[in-house]
Amino acid sequence: MGIKDQFQDKAQELKNRGQQAAGNAKREASERASQAKDRSREQRDQSDRARRDAEEQDRLDMDYDA
């Protein structure tokens, strides 16, 4: 195996590592975005639930006062 072949092999290895690292970073970013979206959805749902509960309590209070 000549020097040229060794450099080509090393270049191919580094290229493969770079592609793999880029793929891993992309996958991790996608997972983080998905988790952030889930947290946002959970917070919105919790806020909606609290609002509905408060509205229901207000209606019950008005019925009790009447």
N, C-alpha and C. Protein backbone atom coordinates (compact mmCIF):
# COMPACT_ATOMS: atom_id res chain seq x y z
N MET A 1 0.85 -1.17 0.00
CA MET A 1 0.00 0.00 0.00
C MET A 1 0.90 1.23 0.00
N GLY A 2 0.68 2.08 -0.95
CA GLY A 2 1.51 3.26 -1.06
C GLY A 2 1.03 4.39 -0.18
N ILE A 3 1.82 5.41 -0.13
CA ILE A 3 1.50 6.59 0.69
C ILE A 3 0.20 7.21 0.20
N LYS A 4 0.02 7.29 -1.10
CA LYS A 4 -1.19 7.89 -1.66
C LYS A 4 -2.42 7.13 -1.18
N ASP A 5 -2.34 5.80 -1.19
CA ASP A 5 -3.47 4.98 -0.73
C ASP A 5 -3.75 5.23 0.75
N GLN A 6 -2.69 5.37 1.54
CA GLN A 6 -2.86 5.61 2.97
C GLN A 6 -3.57 6.94 3.20
N PHE A 7 -3.17 7.98 2.46
CA PHE A 7 -3.82 9.27 2.60
C PHE A 7 -5.27 9.22 2.15
N GLN A 8 -5.53 8.49 1.09
CA GLN A 8 -6.90 8.37 0.61
C GLN A 8 -7.76 7.63 1.62
N ASP A 9 -7.20 6.58 2.21
CA ASP A 9 -7.94 5.83 3.24
C ASP A 9 -8.23 6.71 4.45
N LYS A 10 -7.22 7.47 4.87
CA LYS A 10 -7.39 8.35 6.04
C LYS A 10 -8.42 9.44 5.71
N ALA A 11 -8.34 9.99 4.50
CA ALA A 11 -9.31 11.01 4.10
C ALA A 11 -10.72 10.44 4.10
N GLN A 12 -10.88 9.23 3.61
CA GLN A 12 -12.21 8.60 3.58
C GLN A 12 -12.71 8.35 5.00
N GLU A 13 -11.81 7.91 5.86
CA GLU A 13 -12.17 7.66 7.27
C GLU A 13 -12.64 8.96 7.93
N LEU A 14 -11.90 10.03 7.71
CA LEU A 14 -12.26 11.32 8.31
C LEU A 14 -13.59 11.83 7.74
N LYS A 15 -13.78 11.62 6.46
CA LYS A 15 -15.05 12.02 5.83
C LYS A 15 -16.21 11.26 6.47
N ASN A 16 -16.03 9.96 6.65
CA ASN A 16 -17.09 9.14 7.26
C ASN A 16 -17.38 9.58 8.69
N ARG A 17 -16.31 9.88 9.43
CA ARG A 17 -16.50 10.35 10.81
C ARG A 17 -17.26 11.67 10.84
N GLY A 18 -16.90 12.56 9.93
CA GLY A 18 -17.58 13.85 9.86
C GLY A 18 -19.05 13.70 9.53
N GLN A 19 -19.35 12.84 8.58
CA GLN A 19 -20.75 12.60 8.22
C GLN A 19 -21.52 11.98 9.39
N GLN A 20 -20.87 11.08 10.08
CA GLN A 20 -21.52 10.44 11.22
C GLN A 20 -21.77 11.46 12.33
N ALA A 21 -20.78 12.32 12.60
CA ALA A 21 -20.94 13.35 13.62
C ALA A 21 -22.06 14.32 13.24
N ALA A 22 -22.12 14.69 11.97
CA ALA A 22 -23.17 15.60 11.52
C ALA A 22 -24.54 14.94 11.68
N GLY A 23 -24.63 13.68 11.35
CA GLY A 23 -25.89 12.95 11.50
C GLY A 23 -26.31 12.86 12.95
N ASN A 24 -25.35 12.61 13.83
CA ASN A 24 -25.65 12.54 15.27
C ASN A 24 -26.12 13.89 15.79
N ALA A 25 -25.45 14.97 15.36
CA ALA A 25 -25.84 16.30 15.81
C ALA A 25 -27.24 16.66 15.32
N LYS A 26 -27.53 16.30 14.09
CA LYS A 26 -28.85 16.58 13.53
C LYS A 26 -29.94 15.81 14.29
N ARG A 27 -29.66 14.56 14.57
CA ARG A 27 -30.62 13.73 15.30
C ARG A 27 -30.84 14.28 16.71
N GLU A 28 -29.76 14.70 17.37
CA GLU A 28 -29.88 15.24 18.72
C GLU A 28 -30.67 16.55 18.71
N ALA A 29 -30.41 17.40 17.73
CA ALA A 29 -31.15 18.66 17.63
C ALA A 29 -32.64 18.39 17.41
N SER A 30 -32.94 17.40 16.61
CA SER A 30 -34.33 17.05 16.35
C SER A 30 -35.01 16.55 17.63
N GLU A 31 -34.30 15.76 18.40
CA GLU A 31 -34.85 15.25 19.66
C GLU A 31 -35.09 16.39 20.63
N ARG A 32 -34.15 17.32 20.71
CA ARG A 32 -34.32 18.46 21.62
C ARG A 32 -35.51 19.32 21.20
N ALA A 33 -35.65 19.53 19.91
CA ALA A 33 -36.79 20.33 19.43
C ALA A 33 -38.10 19.64 19.75
N SER A 34 -38.13 18.34 19.59
CA SER A 34 -39.34 17.57 19.89
C SER A 34 -39.68 17.66 21.38
N GLN A 35 -38.65 17.55 22.21
CA GLN A 35 -38.88 17.65 23.66
C GLN A 35 -39.37 19.04 24.05
N ALA A 36 -38.81 20.07 23.43
CA ALA A 36 -39.25 21.44 23.72
C ALA A 36 -40.70 21.63 23.31
N LYS A 37 -41.06 21.05 22.17
CA LYS A 37 -42.44 21.16 21.68
C LYS A 37 -43.38 20.44 22.66
N ASP A 38 -42.96 19.28 23.15
CA ASP A 38 -43.79 18.54 24.10
C ASP A 38 -43.97 19.33 25.40
N ARG A 39 -42.89 19.94 25.88
CA ARG A 39 -42.99 20.74 27.11
C ARG A 39 -43.92 21.93 26.90
N SER A 40 -43.82 22.56 25.75
CA SER A 40 -44.67 23.70 25.44
C SER A 40 -46.13 23.27 25.41
N ARG A 41 -46.38 22.14 24.79
CA ARG A 41 -47.75 21.62 24.70
C ARG A 41 -48.29 21.30 26.10
N GLU A 42 -47.46 20.70 26.94
CA GLU A 42 -47.88 20.37 28.30
C GLU A 42 -48.20 21.63 29.10
N GLN A 43 -47.37 22.66 28.94
CA GLN A 43 -47.61 23.91 29.67
C GLN A 43 -48.90 24.57 29.19
N ARG A 44 -49.13 24.54 27.88
CA ARG A 44 -50.36 25.13 27.32
C ARG A 44 -51.58 24.36 27.83
N ASP A 45 -51.48 23.04 27.85
CA ASP A 45 -52.60 22.22 28.35
C ASP A 45 -52.88 22.52 29.81
N GLN A 46 -51.81 22.65 30.59
CA GLN A 46 -51.97 22.94 32.01
C GLN A 46 -52.60 24.32 32.21
N SER A 47 -52.18 25.27 31.41
CA SER A 47 -52.74 26.62 31.48
C SER A 47 -54.21 26.60 31.10
N ASP A 48 -54.55 25.87 30.05
CA ASP A 48 -55.94 25.77 29.63
C ASP A 48 -56.80 25.12 30.71
N ARG A 49 -56.26 24.08 31.33
CA ARG A 49 -56.99 23.40 32.41
C ARG A 49 -57.24 24.36 33.56
N ALA A 50 -56.22 25.11 33.94
CA ALA A 50 -56.36 26.06 35.05
C ALA A 50 -57.39 27.13 34.72
N ARG A 51 -57.39 27.62 33.48
CA ARG A 51 -58.37 28.62 33.06
C ARG A 51 -59.78 28.06 33.12
N ARG A 52 -59.96 26.83 32.60
CA ARG A 52 -61.29 26.21 32.63
C ARG A 52 -61.76 25.99 34.06
N ASP A 53 -60.85 25.55 34.92
CA ASP A 53 -61.21 25.33 36.32
C ASP A 53 -61.63 26.64 36.99
N ALA A 54 -60.88 27.73 36.69
CA ALA A 54 -61.21 29.03 37.27
C ALA A 54 -62.56 29.52 36.77
N GLU A 55 -62.83 29.32 35.47
CA GLU A 55 -64.12 29.73 34.92
C GLU A 55 -65.26 28.93 35.55
N GLU A 56 -65.03 27.66 35.72
CA GLU A 56 -66.06 26.81 36.34
C GLU A 56 -66.30 27.24 37.79
N GLN A 57 -65.24 27.55 38.48
CA GLN A 57 -65.37 27.99 39.88
C GLN A 57 -66.13 29.31 39.92
N ASP A 58 -65.84 30.21 38.98
CA ASP A 58 -66.56 31.48 38.92
C ASP A 58 -68.05 31.25 38.70
N ARG A 59 -68.40 30.33 37.81
CA ARG A 59 -69.81 30.02 37.55
C ARG A 59 -70.46 29.46 38.81
N LEU A 60 -69.76 28.58 39.50
CA LEU A 60 -70.32 28.00 40.72
C LEU A 60 -70.51 29.08 41.78
N ASP A 61 -69.54 29.99 41.88
CA ASP A 61 -69.65 31.07 42.86
C ASP A 61 -70.84 31.98 42.54
N MET A 62 -71.04 32.27 41.23
CA MET A 62 -72.17 33.12 40.83
C MET A 62 -73.47 32.41 41.12
N ASP A 63 -73.56 31.11 40.88
CA ASP A 63 -74.78 30.35 41.16
C ASP A 63 -75.06 30.33 42.66
N TYR A 64 -74.02 30.24 43.48
CA TYR A 64 -74.17 30.20 44.91
C TYR A 64 -74.64 31.57 45.44
N ASP A 65 -74.10 32.64 44.84
CA ASP A 65 -74.46 33.98 45.27
C ASP A 65 -75.89 34.35 44.89
N ALA A 66 -76.38 33.76 43.84
CA ALA A 66 -77.73 34.12 43.35
C ALA A 66 -78.75 33.44 44.18
